[in-house]
N, C-alpha and C. Protein backbone atom coordinates (compact mmCIF):
# COMPACT_ATOMS: atom_id res chain seq x y z
N UNK A 1 -2.77 -14.09 24.21
CA UNK A 1 -2.17 -12.80 24.06
C UNK A 1 -1.04 -12.57 25.02
N UNK A 2 -0.74 -13.50 25.87
CA UNK A 2 0.31 -13.34 26.87
C UNK A 2 1.67 -13.14 26.16
N UNK A 3 1.88 -13.71 25.01
CA UNK A 3 3.16 -13.68 24.32
C UNK A 3 3.45 -12.32 23.73
N UNK A 4 2.48 -11.46 23.52
CA UNK A 4 2.71 -10.13 22.89
C UNK A 4 3.04 -9.06 23.93
N UNK A 5 2.81 -9.29 25.17
CA UNK A 5 3.15 -8.30 26.19
C UNK A 5 2.06 -7.20 26.28
N UNK A 6 2.45 -6.11 26.91
CA UNK A 6 1.50 -5.03 27.13
C UNK A 6 2.09 -3.71 26.71
N UNK A 7 1.23 -2.71 26.61
CA UNK A 7 1.71 -1.34 26.39
C UNK A 7 2.01 -1.02 24.91
N UNK A 8 1.21 -1.50 24.01
CA UNK A 8 1.44 -1.18 22.56
C UNK A 8 0.84 0.20 22.25
N UNK A 9 1.56 1.00 21.46
CA UNK A 9 1.09 2.28 21.02
C UNK A 9 0.17 2.17 19.82
N UNK A 10 0.45 1.24 18.95
CA UNK A 10 -0.34 1.01 17.72
C UNK A 10 -0.52 -0.49 17.52
N UNK A 11 -1.75 -0.90 17.26
CA UNK A 11 -2.01 -2.29 16.91
C UNK A 11 -2.76 -2.29 15.57
N UNK A 12 -2.23 -3.07 14.64
CA UNK A 12 -2.83 -3.16 13.27
C UNK A 12 -3.17 -4.62 13.04
N UNK A 13 -4.43 -4.89 12.72
CA UNK A 13 -4.83 -6.26 12.35
C UNK A 13 -5.11 -6.26 10.84
N UNK A 14 -4.81 -7.35 10.18
CA UNK A 14 -5.05 -7.46 8.73
C UNK A 14 -5.89 -8.67 8.39
N UNK A 15 -6.55 -9.21 9.34
CA UNK A 15 -7.37 -10.41 9.07
C UNK A 15 -8.86 -10.04 9.10
N UNK A 16 -9.64 -10.87 8.40
CA UNK A 16 -11.09 -10.63 8.39
C UNK A 16 -11.76 -11.19 9.58
N UNK A 17 -11.19 -12.19 10.18
CA UNK A 17 -11.78 -12.80 11.37
C UNK A 17 -11.43 -11.99 12.57
N UNK A 18 -12.04 -12.32 13.67
CA UNK A 18 -11.80 -11.61 14.90
C UNK A 18 -10.35 -11.80 15.40
N UNK A 19 -9.69 -10.71 15.60
CA UNK A 19 -8.29 -10.76 16.05
C UNK A 19 -8.21 -10.20 17.43
N UNK A 20 -7.53 -10.86 18.33
CA UNK A 20 -7.38 -10.30 19.70
C UNK A 20 -6.52 -9.02 19.67
N UNK A 21 -6.90 -8.07 20.46
CA UNK A 21 -6.20 -6.80 20.55
C UNK A 21 -5.77 -6.60 22.03
N UNK A 22 -4.52 -6.31 22.28
CA UNK A 22 -4.09 -6.09 23.67
C UNK A 22 -4.95 -4.98 24.29
N UNK A 23 -5.35 -5.17 25.58
CA UNK A 23 -6.24 -4.18 26.19
C UNK A 23 -5.65 -2.80 26.37
N UNK A 24 -4.34 -2.69 26.53
CA UNK A 24 -3.70 -1.41 26.71
C UNK A 24 -3.07 -0.88 25.45
N UNK A 25 -3.66 -1.06 24.37
CA UNK A 25 -3.08 -0.53 23.14
C UNK A 25 -3.67 0.84 22.85
N UNK A 26 -2.93 1.68 22.20
CA UNK A 26 -3.43 3.03 21.89
C UNK A 26 -4.26 3.02 20.64
N UNK A 27 -3.62 3.32 19.49
CA UNK A 27 -4.29 3.37 18.22
C UNK A 27 -4.57 1.96 17.73
N UNK A 28 -5.83 1.67 17.39
CA UNK A 28 -6.22 0.32 16.90
C UNK A 28 -6.73 0.49 15.47
N UNK A 29 -6.09 -0.15 14.55
CA UNK A 29 -6.43 -0.08 13.14
C UNK A 29 -6.76 -1.48 12.62
N UNK A 30 -7.77 -1.58 11.80
CA UNK A 30 -8.10 -2.85 11.16
C UNK A 30 -8.04 -2.64 9.65
N UNK A 31 -7.04 -3.23 9.03
CA UNK A 31 -6.89 -3.14 7.56
C UNK A 31 -7.40 -4.40 6.96
N UNK A 32 -8.37 -4.32 6.10
CA UNK A 32 -8.97 -5.50 5.49
C UNK A 32 -8.23 -5.84 4.22
N UNK A 33 -7.72 -7.03 4.19
CA UNK A 33 -7.08 -7.58 3.00
C UNK A 33 -7.63 -8.98 2.74
N UNK A 34 -7.78 -9.40 1.49
CA UNK A 34 -8.20 -10.76 1.25
C UNK A 34 -7.11 -11.72 1.71
N UNK A 35 -7.53 -12.91 2.10
CA UNK A 35 -6.60 -13.95 2.54
C UNK A 35 -5.96 -14.53 1.28
N UNK A 36 -4.69 -14.27 1.03
CA UNK A 36 -4.07 -14.74 -0.20
C UNK A 36 -3.91 -16.28 -0.22
N UNK A 37 -3.98 -16.90 0.92
CA UNK A 37 -3.85 -18.37 0.91
C UNK A 37 -5.12 -19.03 0.32
N UNK A 38 -6.18 -18.22 0.19
CA UNK A 38 -7.41 -18.76 -0.40
C UNK A 38 -7.58 -18.41 -1.86
N UNK A 39 -6.58 -17.85 -2.46
CA UNK A 39 -6.62 -17.44 -3.86
C UNK A 39 -6.79 -18.63 -4.77
N UNK A 40 -7.61 -18.49 -5.78
CA UNK A 40 -7.84 -19.55 -6.78
C UNK A 40 -6.90 -19.32 -7.94
N UNK A 41 -6.84 -20.30 -8.80
CA UNK A 41 -5.99 -20.20 -10.00
C UNK A 41 -4.77 -21.01 -9.91
N UNK A 42 -3.94 -20.84 -10.96
CA UNK A 42 -2.67 -21.58 -11.02
C UNK A 42 -1.66 -20.85 -10.10
N UNK A 43 -0.46 -21.41 -10.02
CA UNK A 43 0.56 -20.86 -9.14
C UNK A 43 0.87 -19.39 -9.43
N UNK A 44 0.92 -19.03 -10.70
CA UNK A 44 1.24 -17.66 -11.09
C UNK A 44 0.15 -16.70 -10.64
N UNK A 45 -1.09 -17.11 -10.74
CA UNK A 45 -2.23 -16.25 -10.33
C UNK A 45 -2.26 -16.13 -8.80
N UNK A 46 -1.98 -17.22 -8.10
CA UNK A 46 -1.92 -17.15 -6.68
C UNK A 46 -0.79 -16.26 -6.18
N UNK A 47 0.34 -16.37 -6.82
CA UNK A 47 1.47 -15.50 -6.47
C UNK A 47 1.14 -14.05 -6.67
N UNK A 48 0.41 -13.73 -7.72
CA UNK A 48 0.00 -12.36 -7.99
C UNK A 48 -0.87 -11.83 -6.87
N UNK A 49 -1.75 -12.68 -6.31
CA UNK A 49 -2.59 -12.25 -5.20
C UNK A 49 -1.73 -11.99 -3.96
N UNK A 50 -0.79 -12.90 -3.66
CA UNK A 50 0.08 -12.69 -2.53
C UNK A 50 0.85 -11.38 -2.68
N UNK A 51 1.36 -11.11 -3.88
CA UNK A 51 2.11 -9.86 -4.10
C UNK A 51 1.23 -8.64 -3.95
N UNK A 52 0.03 -8.70 -4.42
CA UNK A 52 -0.91 -7.58 -4.31
C UNK A 52 -1.18 -7.26 -2.83
N UNK A 53 -1.44 -8.30 -2.06
CA UNK A 53 -1.65 -8.12 -0.63
C UNK A 53 -0.41 -7.55 0.08
N UNK A 54 0.74 -8.13 -0.25
CA UNK A 54 2.03 -7.69 0.29
C UNK A 54 2.23 -6.19 0.00
N UNK A 55 2.01 -5.79 -1.23
CA UNK A 55 2.22 -4.42 -1.67
C UNK A 55 1.23 -3.50 -0.98
N UNK A 56 0.01 -3.95 -0.80
CA UNK A 56 -1.01 -3.16 -0.12
C UNK A 56 -0.66 -2.89 1.32
N UNK A 57 -0.19 -3.95 2.00
CA UNK A 57 0.24 -3.79 3.38
C UNK A 57 1.42 -2.87 3.50
N UNK A 58 2.38 -3.03 2.60
CA UNK A 58 3.60 -2.18 2.63
C UNK A 58 3.19 -0.69 2.44
N UNK A 59 2.28 -0.43 1.50
CA UNK A 59 1.88 0.94 1.27
C UNK A 59 1.18 1.55 2.46
N UNK A 60 0.37 0.77 3.16
CA UNK A 60 -0.31 1.26 4.34
C UNK A 60 0.66 1.45 5.48
N UNK A 61 1.64 0.60 5.64
CA UNK A 61 2.64 0.75 6.68
C UNK A 61 3.43 2.06 6.45
N UNK A 62 3.81 2.31 5.19
CA UNK A 62 4.54 3.58 4.88
C UNK A 62 3.69 4.79 5.21
N UNK A 63 2.43 4.74 4.81
CA UNK A 63 1.51 5.86 5.08
C UNK A 63 1.35 6.08 6.58
N UNK A 64 1.24 5.01 7.31
CA UNK A 64 1.09 5.09 8.79
C UNK A 64 2.34 5.65 9.41
N UNK A 65 3.51 5.24 8.94
CA UNK A 65 4.78 5.78 9.49
C UNK A 65 4.84 7.29 9.21
N UNK A 66 4.43 7.73 8.05
CA UNK A 66 4.43 9.19 7.75
C UNK A 66 3.48 9.93 8.71
N UNK A 67 2.33 9.31 8.93
CA UNK A 67 1.29 9.93 9.80
C UNK A 67 1.78 10.05 11.26
N UNK A 68 2.50 9.02 11.69
CA UNK A 68 2.94 9.01 13.09
C UNK A 68 4.19 9.87 13.31
N UNK A 69 4.91 10.21 12.28
CA UNK A 69 6.10 11.04 12.45
C UNK A 69 5.79 12.45 12.47
């Protein structure tokens, strides 16, 4: 965690496994999303999973930005 520095106001994790959180962070959020790299199916189906996760993260970031403003 040395590379991320200190003093974060908001920390968001999106992984299912344990993610390190800086000790001096303010708001800590854990957003659960499936790991798109583990998606089954052909290339088109896998791409659809990546897009769904991407869009879900984008929507939550926008909502968080509205909440914080």
